[in-house]
Amino acid sequence: MTAAQPLTVLAADNQKPELSQEEAGNLPQSNGNKYRMWYTSPGSVSQWENTGLLIGNGTTGGILFGQVGKDQIHFNEKTLWTGGPSESRPNYDGGNRDTAVTPEQLEAIRQGADDHSSSVFPLGTGGLDNVMGDGSGMGHYQDFGDLYLDFSETGMTNDNVDNYVRDLDMRTAVSSLNYDYEGVHYEREYFVSHPDKVMVIHLTASEEGKLSFTASAKSARGLSTTTQAENGRITLSGEVNDNQLKCEMQAQIVNIGGEITDHSNGTVTVDQADEVIIVLATGTDYKNEYPTYRGTDPHEAITTRVDQAAKKDYEDLKADHISDHQELFDRVDLDLGGTCPTLPTDQMMKNYRAGDYQLAVEEMIYQFGRYLTIAGSREGDPLPTNLVGIWSVGDPAWGGDFHFNVNVQMNYWPAYSTNLAECGTVFNDFMESLVIPGRLTAEKSAGVATENFETTPIGEGNGFLVNTQNNPFGCTAPFGSQEYGWNIGGSSWGLQNMYDYYLFTGDEAYLRDHIYPMLKEMAEFWNQFLWYSEYQDRLVVGPSVSAEQGPTVNGTTYDQSLAWEVYKMAIEASEILGVDADKRAVWAEKQSQLDPILIGEEGQIKEWYEETRLGYGQAGDLSETKIPNFGAGGSANG
């Protein structure tokens, strides 16, 4: 399946009603559009994860709440982060160790893990002091701020309007708010355009002169900003307190009818307008370029974007946005035989959780995943999707970072199988950007160095590591608790996503120029790092940890499998490209000695060589004992 090939997945021969956008768009029921999420009450910031509606173009994200009297549009910018190089961290090194682990230190860890003279798991949940970094400068994803549209002087509130409905149409990536107040029908539309690189808000009323409000902007905690208003444009600009990353938001307010007034406090008042268009753009001076990670001041680029978009007719902005979105979204339709619900989406979900398993819910959830992929990850973006995408209010869960012990990979697992290969290239680009800092981590924490690590072409080095917690500033070092901090297979796992891109697209040129060089380099890393364990009679990854659980050992199935898989992909790719036959033979020999899949007493795939049955292990003449930190205190292995 190529990236541009349409796909329809059918599980039933149902007839779907064909409705125009006008027919199915802004009504208090779905009217045949299964991919329209709609609600009859506003959302709230305190429950933004459950009640907010999400829009985005890959870099600028919006969270919408549909408040009548004071509309709050929360905006985020993908490249806005704390951490990395800063005035307070002039010697930032990606969180790595100051001195590299020595061969003698690695040998001691490995020998210690295999010494079962007195313990089944002699290292317990430790033994990693000489390989762990400190994570200095890791930072976290930073939310940006809010645009407020205050209608309170008109008297309208959430409680005194009629026929309230807000929605998000996944087919068009347009959200709307509709209600009636004192005999007048009001409508607001919101979307974030990828072609024009701006958020657009459109306000209309059924009678002339009925739009009056005050617009203001406020930045989130952690930023130092100033706000000014000039010629109907609100500019919020400043920097991140932690790292002095420059950031800016501009919102141009265009009124049709009525008057518009700038104020010295940075607000703009619209009085008795017939129609209003707001064009908003965000940016920072981040640039994914080692080691400074800084580019140009964003002001000029944002100004140009807003100027150009503000000159366009609203219907043209909207049409270009919908066309761009549907080129991706419309490639796949899923029909499981569901019928279009006539209940608000929140009620439909409550019913589903209570046992009313409507197939339409499953169809919607499938497409919502595709919708979020399109909204959060577009070809050419400077960064991939992190733990919270581009949507967060306040401090994000787990720092909103790029977790390489499964999370960032799983963000992109569905991209190819749902015909969104272009969205997956963002992750591929990011992987390439991690080679240089990852080589430094390979030297410092695994003792495998690449001479001239900054300039050696990809494919000619000795490998690069990306451990669990990763930021946009090349923090690839292992740090944090043992069960998640040490993740030597992170970059190897990420390469599976890259290889999937080739498997789904058949793009041999991309395989040759981008994927294979990275596979080749990581195969070389494993050639040098793997250690022969006499106790296990096989090559092992050591030290090794099972992601988020268990003790420090040699050769967990997790790590053994990832190394085995890198060899598999490198061997296949070299055969396809007809190159490196000599290296291929070495890779095959190394791979054959990994023996990653071992079976335990209960017929289970063992995660640890010493494992006997789930949760227990044994070695030599020692008694069977509980596996320390099994399940990391949770019930994952229940």
Foldseek 3Di string as FASTA:
>chain_A
DALQFFAEAEQDDDDQDDDDCVRQPDALFRRRQLQKFKDQAWADPVPQVPGWDWAFQQFKIWTWTQWDQKTKIFIFGNQAWWFAAAPVCPPDQLQFAPFAQDPVLQVVQAVQQLPVPPHQGRQFQHSQPQQFGGRHRLTFGFGWWIKMWGNVVVVDGRPQWANWMWMARLLQRKIKIWIHDPRKIKMKIWHQFNVLQKIKIKIAIPDFQPDKTKIAMDTAPQWDWAWFDDQQKIKIWGAGPRHRWTKIKIKHKDFADADWDTDGRRMIIGGRTRMIMIIMHMDTQAALDPAPRGHDGCVVVRVVSRVVVVPDDPVVRSVNRRVVSNSNLSSYAYHSPFDRDGDRPVVVVVVVVVPPVTVSVVRNVVSVLVSLLSRQFAAPDRAAAFQVRRDDDPQDVVSSFHFLVPRVVVNCPCCLVSSNLRRLVRLLVLLVSLQLSQQVSCCRNQVAHFVVSVPDDQLPGQAGAAATGHHSNNNRGFDDRSQRRDDRLRSLSSLVSVVVSCVRNVPLVCCVPRNLSNLNNHLNNCVPRWDQDPQLRFTWRPQDHHHLFFHGHTHFLVRLVSNLVSLVSNLVSCVVVVDDPVVNVVSVVNSVRSPSFDAAPVRDGGRDPQDHDQQWGDDDPDDIDGTRRGVVPDVPPD
